[in-house]
Amino acid sequence: QVQLVESGGELVQAGGSLRLSCVASGGTFSRYAMGWFRQAPGKGREFVSAISWSGGTTDYADSVKGRFTISRDNAKNTVYLQMNSLKPEDTAIYYCAADSKREPNTIVIVSNLYEYWGQGTQVSVSS
């Protein structure tokens, strides 16, 4: 059974930065396509970013493009989301997700295609 544990969320002022981490255990992390999603109060879960298990392909939602960077360290079983120039509208619970069924350079941007999910970490951005 794969477990994902997110960390790094906190309260930050607008314009600030945070780095979220997601550590995986119980599986072969180096073969998982990984993604970050977020859910703001009263809204549905939305795609933020994704990375292939090779690390060679990434994608971002338009709302975060140029501000957020996804990366992975397969030696540490960890995927990161570096978030810069944070805005109040980035306030949400951030979830990481893993999928084991993809080719090396394939990413997944649809939430219901992911097999495993973490519990989430709260990011709050004050204005």
Foldseek 3Di string as FASTA:
>chain_A
DKAKAKDWADEEAAQAKIKMKIAIDDDQLLQKKKFKWWDDPPGDIFGAKIAFSLRPDMDGDPVQPPFWDWGDDSVRRMIMIIGGRDDQVVWTWMKMFIARPDDRGDHDGDVVRTDDIYPTDTHGYHD
